[in-house]
PDB file of N, CA and C in Angstrom:
ATOM      1  N   MET A   1      20.195  13.801  34.155  1.00  0.00           N
ATOM      2  CA  MET A   1      20.048  12.779  33.145  1.00  0.00           C
ATOM      3  C   MET A   1      19.890  11.428  33.850  1.00  0.00           C
ATOM      4  N   GLN A   2      19.003  10.630  33.321  1.00  0.00           N
ATOM      5  CA  GLN A   2      18.744   9.331  33.940  1.00  0.00           C
ATOM      6  C   GLN A   2      19.825   8.321  33.555  1.00  0.00           C
ATOM      7  N   GLU A   3      20.230   7.538  34.512  1.00  0.00           N
ATOM      8  CA  GLU A   3      21.284   6.556  34.302  1.00  0.00           C
ATOM      9  C   GLU A   3      20.709   5.296  33.635  1.00  0.00           C
ATOM     10  N   ILE A   4      21.461   4.709  32.714  1.00  0.00           N
ATOM     11  CA  ILE A   4      21.047   3.474  32.057  1.00  0.00           C
ATOM     12  C   ILE A   4      21.537   2.299  32.897  1.00  0.00           C
ATOM     13  N   SER A   5      20.591   1.478  33.313  1.00  0.00           N
ATOM     14  CA  SER A   5      20.988   0.306  34.087  1.00  0.00           C
ATOM     15  C   SER A   5      21.156  -0.878  33.141  1.00  0.00           C
ATOM     16  N   LEU A   6      22.269  -1.556  33.253  1.00  0.00           N
ATOM     17  CA  LEU A   6      22.555  -2.689  32.391  1.00  0.00           C
ATOM     18  C   LEU A   6      22.203  -3.991  33.111  1.00  0.00           C
ATOM     19  N   ASN A   7      20.917  -4.285  33.127  1.00  0.00           N
ATOM     20  CA  ASN A   7      20.501  -5.557  33.700  1.00  0.00           C
ATOM     21  C   ASN A   7      20.451  -6.605  32.595  1.00  0.00           C
ATOM     22  N   PHE A   8      20.126  -7.826  32.950  1.00  0.00           N
ATOM     23  CA  PHE A   8      20.194  -8.933  31.993  1.00  0.00           C
ATOM     24  C   PHE A   8      19.304  -8.734  30.758  1.00  0.00           C
ATOM     25  N   PRO A   9      18.021  -8.359  30.906  1.00  0.00           N
ATOM     26  CA  PRO A   9      17.190  -8.145  29.706  1.00  0.00           C
ATOM     27  C   PRO A   9      17.722  -7.039  28.792  1.00  0.00           C
ATOM     28  N   THR A  10      18.278  -5.981  29.378  1.00  0.00           N
ATOM     29  CA  THR A  10      18.832  -4.896  28.573  1.00  0.00           C
ATOM     30  C   THR A  10      20.040  -5.383  27.774  1.00  0.00           C
ATOM     31  N   VAL A  11      20.877  -6.176  28.379  1.00  0.00           N
ATOM     32  CA  VAL A  11      22.053  -6.713  27.694  1.00  0.00           C
ATOM     33  C   VAL A  11      21.625  -7.632  26.552  1.00  0.00           C
ATOM     34  N   ILE A  12      20.611  -8.464  26.789  1.00  0.00           N
ATOM     35  CA  ILE A  12      20.119  -9.372  25.730  1.00  0.00           C
ATOM     36  C   ILE A  12      19.592  -8.566  24.550  1.00  0.00           C
ATOM     37  N   ILE A  13      18.818  -7.528  24.806  1.00  0.00           N
ATOM     38  CA  ILE A  13      18.279  -6.694  23.730  1.00  0.00           C
ATOM     39  C   ILE A  13      19.414  -6.008  22.967  1.00  0.00           C
ATOM     40  N   LEU A  14      20.414  -5.505  23.660  1.00  0.00           N
ATOM     41  CA  LEU A  14      21.549  -4.858  22.996  1.00  0.00           C
ATOM     42  C   LEU A  14      22.337  -5.850  22.142  1.00  0.00           C
ATOM     43  N   VAL A  15      22.484  -7.081  22.624  1.00  0.00           N
ATOM     44  CA  VAL A  15      23.189  -8.108  21.849  1.00  0.00           C
ATOM     45  C   VAL A  15      22.402  -8.449  20.580  1.00  0.00           C
ATOM     46  N   VAL A  16      21.084  -8.559  20.693  1.00  0.00           N
ATOM     47  CA  VAL A  16      20.250  -8.857  19.519  1.00  0.00           C
ATOM     48  C   VAL A  16      20.345  -7.722  18.502  1.00  0.00           C
ATOM     49  N   ILE A  17      20.260  -6.487  18.960  1.00  0.00           N
ATOM     50  CA  ILE A  17      20.370  -5.341  18.051  1.00  0.00           C
ATOM     51  C   ILE A  17      21.735  -5.314  17.378  1.00  0.00           C
ATOM     52  N   ALA A  18      22.790  -5.577  18.124  1.00  0.00           N
ATOM     53  CA  ALA A  18      24.137  -5.597  17.549  1.00  0.00           C
ATOM     54  C   ALA A  18      24.277  -6.713  16.518  1.00  0.00           C
ATOM     55  N   ALA A  19      23.715  -7.892  16.812  1.00  0.00           N
ATOM     56  CA  ALA A  19      23.794  -9.009  15.862  1.00  0.00           C
ATOM     57  C   ALA A  19      23.046  -8.686  14.574  1.00  0.00           C
ATOM     58  N   LEU A  20      21.871  -8.073  14.688  1.00  0.00           N
ATOM     59  CA  LEU A  20      21.121  -7.696  13.486  1.00  0.00           C
ATOM     60  C   LEU A  20      21.852  -6.628  12.678  1.00  0.00           C
ATOM     61  N   ALA A  21      22.515  -5.703  13.355  1.00  0.00           N
ATOM     62  CA  ALA A  21      23.296  -4.682  12.648  1.00  0.00           C
ATOM     63  C   ALA A  21      24.461  -5.315  11.903  1.00  0.00           C
ATOM     64  N   VAL A  22      25.127  -6.273  12.524  1.00  0.00           N
ATOM     65  CA  VAL A  22      26.242  -6.967  11.865  1.00  0.00           C
ATOM     66  C   VAL A  22      25.744  -7.724  10.644  1.00  0.00           C
ATOM     67  N   LEU A  23      24.604  -8.400  10.767  1.00  0.00           N
ATOM     68  CA  LEU A  23      24.054  -9.129   9.621  1.00  0.00           C
ATOM     69  C   LEU A  23      23.660  -8.183   8.494  1.00  0.00           C
ATOM     70  N   ALA A  24      23.095  -7.032   8.829  1.00  0.00           N
ATOM     71  CA  ALA A  24      22.709  -6.059   7.802  1.00  0.00           C
ATOM     72  C   ALA A  24      23.938  -5.511   7.076  1.00  0.00           C
ATOM     73  N   ILE A  25      24.986  -5.188   7.821  1.00  0.00           N
ATOM     74  CA  ILE A  25      26.215  -4.676   7.201  1.00  0.00           C
ATOM     75  C   ILE A  25      26.862  -5.751   6.345  1.00  0.00           C
ATOM     76  N   ARG A  26      26.851  -6.982   6.814  1.00  0.00           N
ATOM     77  CA  ARG A  26      27.432  -8.087   6.052  1.00  0.00           C
ATOM     78  C   ARG A  26      26.683  -8.272   4.730  1.00  0.00           C
ATOM     79  N   ARG A  27      25.353  -8.201   4.782  1.00  0.00           N
ATOM     80  CA  ARG A  27      24.550  -8.347   3.564  1.00  0.00           C
ATOM     81  C   ARG A  27      24.842  -7.211   2.587  1.00  0.00           C
ATOM     82  N   MET A  28      24.959  -5.978   3.098  1.00  0.00           N
ATOM     83  CA  MET A  28      25.241  -4.850   2.213  1.00  0.00           C
ATOM     84  C   MET A  28      26.616  -4.956   1.584  1.00  0.00           C
ATOM     85  N   THR A  29      27.601  -5.463   2.330  1.00  0.00           N
ATOM     86  CA  THR A  29      28.938  -5.557   1.757  1.00  0.00           C
ATOM     87  C   THR A  29      29.029  -6.685   0.733  1.00  0.00           C
ATOM     88  N   HIS A  30      28.247  -7.741   0.893  1.00  0.00           N
ATOM     89  CA  HIS A  30      28.295  -8.847  -0.065  1.00  0.00           C
ATOM     90  C   HIS A  30      27.413  -8.601  -1.281  1.00  0.00           C
ATOM     91  N   ARG A  31      26.245  -7.993  -1.084  1.00  0.00           N
ATOM     92  CA  ARG A  31      25.303  -7.810  -2.186  1.00  0.00           C
ATOM     93  C   ARG A  31      25.260  -6.395  -2.717  1.00  0.00           C
ATOM     94  N   GLY A  32      25.740  -5.449  -1.964  1.00  0.00           N
ATOM     95  CA  GLY A  32      25.579  -4.057  -2.341  1.00  0.00           C
ATOM     96  C   GLY A  32      24.181  -3.595  -1.974  1.00  0.00           C
ATOM     97  N   LEU A  33      23.786  -2.471  -2.493  1.00  0.00           N
ATOM     98  CA  LEU A  33      22.476  -1.924  -2.166  1.00  0.00           C
ATOM     99  C   LEU A  33      21.394  -2.401  -3.116  1.00  0.00           C
ATOM    100  N   CYS A  34      21.726  -3.258  -4.044  1.00  0.00           N
ATOM    101  CA  CYS A  34      20.773  -3.741  -5.040  1.00  0.00           C
ATOM    102  C   CYS A  34      20.332  -5.148  -4.664  1.00  0.00           C
ATOM    103  N   ASP A  35      19.022  -5.370  -4.640  1.00  0.00           N
ATOM    104  CA  ASP A  35      18.486  -6.682  -4.300  1.00  0.00           C
ATOM    105  C   ASP A  35      17.927  -7.416  -5.509  1.00  0.00           C
ATOM    106  N   CYS A  36      18.274  -7.020  -6.711  1.00  0.00           N
ATOM    107  CA  CYS A  36      17.675  -7.705  -7.851  1.00  0.00           C
ATOM    108  C   CYS A  36      18.269  -9.094  -8.031  1.00  0.00           C
ATOM    109  N   GLY A  37      19.295  -9.439  -7.291  1.00  0.00           N
ATOM    110  CA  GLY A  37      19.821 -10.797  -7.326  1.00  0.00           C
ATOM    111  C   GLY A  37      18.799 -11.804  -6.852  1.00  0.00           C
ATOM    112  N   ASP A  38      17.835 -11.344  -6.062  1.00  0.00           N
ATOM    113  CA  ASP A  38      16.752 -12.215  -5.621  1.00  0.00           C
ATOM    114  C   ASP A  38      15.757 -12.483  -6.749  1.00  0.00           C
ATOM    115  N   HIS A  39      15.681 -11.573  -7.717  1.00  0.00           N
ATOM    116  CA  HIS A  39      14.670 -11.658  -8.763  1.00  0.00           C
ATOM    117  C   HIS A  39      15.224 -12.040 -10.124  1.00  0.00           C
ATOM    118  N   CYS A  40      16.508 -11.893 -10.328  1.00  0.00           N
ATOM    119  CA  CYS A  40      17.089 -12.107 -11.650  1.00  0.00           C
ATOM    120  C   CYS A  40      17.985 -13.343 -11.650  1.00  0.00           C
ATOM    121  N   GLU A  41      18.057 -13.983 -12.787  1.00  0.00           N
ATOM    122  CA  GLU A  41      18.885 -15.176 -12.909  1.00  0.00           C
ATOM    123  C   GLU A  41      20.365 -14.840 -12.920  1.00  0.00           C
ATOM    124  N   GLY A  42      20.722 -13.780 -13.577  1.00  0.00           N
ATOM    125  CA  GLY A  42      22.120 -13.429 -13.741  1.00  0.00           C
ATOM    126  C   GLY A  42      22.727 -12.696 -12.560  1.00  0.00           C
ATOM    127  N   GLY A  43      21.962 -12.490 -11.515  1.00  0.00           N
ATOM    128  CA  GLY A  43      22.479 -11.753 -10.374  1.00  0.00           C
ATOM    129  C   GLY A  43      22.346 -10.264 -10.591  1.00  0.00           C
ATOM    130  N   CYS A  44      22.978  -9.527  -9.784  1.00  0.00           N
ATOM    131  CA  CYS A  44      22.855  -8.077  -9.842  1.00  0.00           C
ATOM    132  C   CYS A  44      24.174  -7.468 -10.284  1.00  0.00           C
ATOM    133  N   SER A  45      24.261  -7.156 -11.523  1.00  0.00           N
ATOM    134  CA  SER A  45      25.450  -6.463 -12.001  1.00  0.00           C
ATOM    135  C   SER A  45      25.056  -5.010 -12.267  1.00  0.00           C
ATOM    136  N   GLY A  46      24.911  -4.282 -11.185  1.00  0.00           N
ATOM    137  CA  GLY A  46      24.523  -2.883 -11.302  1.00  0.00           C
ATOM    138  C   GLY A  46      23.064  -2.709 -11.634  1.00  0.00           C
ATOM    139  N   CYS A  47      22.252  -3.743 -11.499  1.00  0.00           N
ATOM    140  CA  CYS A  47      20.817  -3.731 -11.784  1.00  0.00           C
ATOM    141  C   CYS A  47      20.533  -3.473 -13.260  1.00  0.00           C
ATOM    142  N   GLU A  48      21.497  -3.697 -14.124  1.00  0.00           N
ATOM    143  CA  GLU A  48      21.270  -3.510 -15.552  1.00  0.00           C
ATOM    144  C   GLU A  48      20.660  -4.777 -16.127  1.00  0.00           C
ATOM    145  N   GLY A  49      19.591  -4.639 -16.856  1.00  0.00           N
ATOM    146  CA  GLY A  49      18.951  -5.776 -17.471  1.00  0.00           C
ATOM    147  C   GLY A  49      18.079  -6.569 -16.512  1.00  0.00           C
ATOM    148  N   CYS A  50      17.848  -6.058 -15.351  1.00  0.00           N
ATOM    149  CA  CYS A  50      17.034  -6.747 -14.363  1.00  0.00           C
ATOM    150  C   CYS A  50      15.598  -6.279 -14.518  1.00  0.00           C
ATOM    151  N   ALA A  51      14.687  -7.199 -14.722  1.00  0.00           N
ATOM    152  CA  ALA A  51      13.284  -6.839 -14.940  1.00  0.00           C
ATOM    153  C   ALA A  51      12.696  -6.139 -13.723  1.00  0.00           C
ATOM    154  N   ALA A  52      13.054  -6.588 -12.529  1.00  0.00           N
ATOM    155  CA  ALA A  52      12.523  -5.953 -11.319  1.00  0.00           C
ATOM    156  C   ALA A  52      13.003  -4.516 -11.209  1.00  0.00           C
ATOM    157  N   ALA A  53      14.280  -4.288 -11.489  1.00  0.00           N
ATOM    158  CA  ALA A  53      14.831  -2.933 -11.396  1.00  0.00           C
ATOM    159  C   ALA A  53      14.272  -2.049 -12.505  1.00  0.00           C
ATOM    160  N   GLU A  54      14.098  -2.603 -13.700  1.00  0.00           N
ATOM    161  CA  GLU A  54      13.564  -1.821 -14.804  1.00  0.00           C
ATOM    162  C   GLU A  54      12.122  -1.410 -14.549  1.00  0.00           C
ATOM    163  N   SER A  55      11.313  -2.318 -13.980  1.00  0.00           N
ATOM    164  CA  SER A  55       9.925  -1.968 -13.700  1.00  0.00           C
ATOM    165  C   SER A  55       9.844  -0.931 -12.582  1.00  0.00           C
ATOM    166  N   MET A  56      10.758  -1.015 -11.612  1.00  0.00           N
ATOM    167  CA  MET A  56      10.796  -0.022 -10.546  1.00  0.00           C
ATOM    168  C   MET A  56      11.186   1.342 -11.114  1.00  0.00           C
ATOM    169  N   ALA A  57      12.160   1.364 -11.993  1.00  0.00           N
ATOM    170  CA  ALA A  57      12.609   2.620 -12.590  1.00  0.00           C
ATOM    171  C   ALA A  57      11.512   3.221 -13.461  1.00  0.00           C
ATOM    172  N   ALA A  58      10.787   2.374 -14.182  1.00  0.00           N
ATOM    173  CA  ALA A  58       9.693   2.865 -15.025  1.00  0.00           C
ATOM    174  C   ALA A  58       8.585   3.462 -14.164  1.00  0.00           C
ATOM    175  N   ALA A  59       8.269   2.806 -13.057  1.00  0.00           N
ATOM    176  CA  ALA A  59       7.224   3.320 -12.172  1.00  0.00           C
ATOM    177  C   ALA A  59       7.647   4.648 -11.562  1.00  0.00           C
ATOM    178  N   MET A  60       8.915   4.775 -11.208  1.00  0.00           N
ATOM    179  CA  MET A  60       9.397   6.027 -10.635  1.00  0.00           C
ATOM    180  C   MET A  60       9.396   7.134 -11.690  1.00  0.00           C
ATOM    181  N   GLY A  61       9.714   6.778 -12.934  1.00  0.00           N
ATOM    182  CA  GLY A  61       9.688   7.758 -14.007  1.00  0.00           C
ATOM    183  C   GLY A  61       8.283   8.253 -14.294  1.00  0.00           C
ATOM    184  N   GLU A  62       7.315   7.337 -14.265  1.00  0.00           N
ATOM    185  CA  GLU A  62       5.926   7.746 -14.485  1.00  0.00           C
ATOM    186  C   GLU A  62       5.418   8.616 -13.341  1.00  0.00           C
ATOM    187  N   ALA A  63       5.824   8.299 -12.130  1.00  0.00           N
ATOM    188  CA  ALA A  63       5.401   9.103 -10.976  1.00  0.00           C
ATOM    189  C   ALA A  63       5.999  10.497 -11.062  1.00  0.00           C
ATOM    190  N   ALA A  64       7.225  10.613 -11.556  1.00  0.00           N
ATOM    191  CA  ALA A  64       7.859  11.933 -11.692  1.00  0.00           C
ATOM    192  C   ALA A  64       7.187  12.741 -12.776  1.00  0.00           C
ATOM    193  N   LYS A  65       6.699  12.078 -13.851  1.00  0.00           N
ATOM    194  CA  LYS A  65       6.032  12.786 -14.936  1.00  0.00           C
ATOM    195  C   LYS A  65       4.679  13.330 -14.486  1.00  0.00           C
ATOM    196  N   ASP A  66       4.022  12.600 -13.589  1.00  0.00           N
ATOM    197  CA  ASP A  66       2.709  13.000 -13.118  1.00  0.00           C
ATOM    198  C   ASP A  66       2.762  14.235 -12.235  1.00  0.00           C
ATOM    199  N   LYS A  67       3.892  14.517 -11.614  1.00  0.00           N
ATOM    200  CA  LYS A  67       3.996  15.681 -10.709  1.00  0.00           C
ATOM    201  C   LYS A  67       4.212  16.930 -11.453  1.00  0.00           C
TER     202      LYS A  67
END
């Protein structure tokens, strides 16, 4: 098995990947898995009443009917 050398560029890339992972986890814990807060005035309360979520659900329902 080849050994991983931890030189300066490798450490920088690992730090960037770790920082992006932390930001992604932080966003998921604060917003949940629903992003309709970006599109709706009332925020995302389970994506209920959100026009973006409703149109996505309708499109998925039509695609399921077509199969």
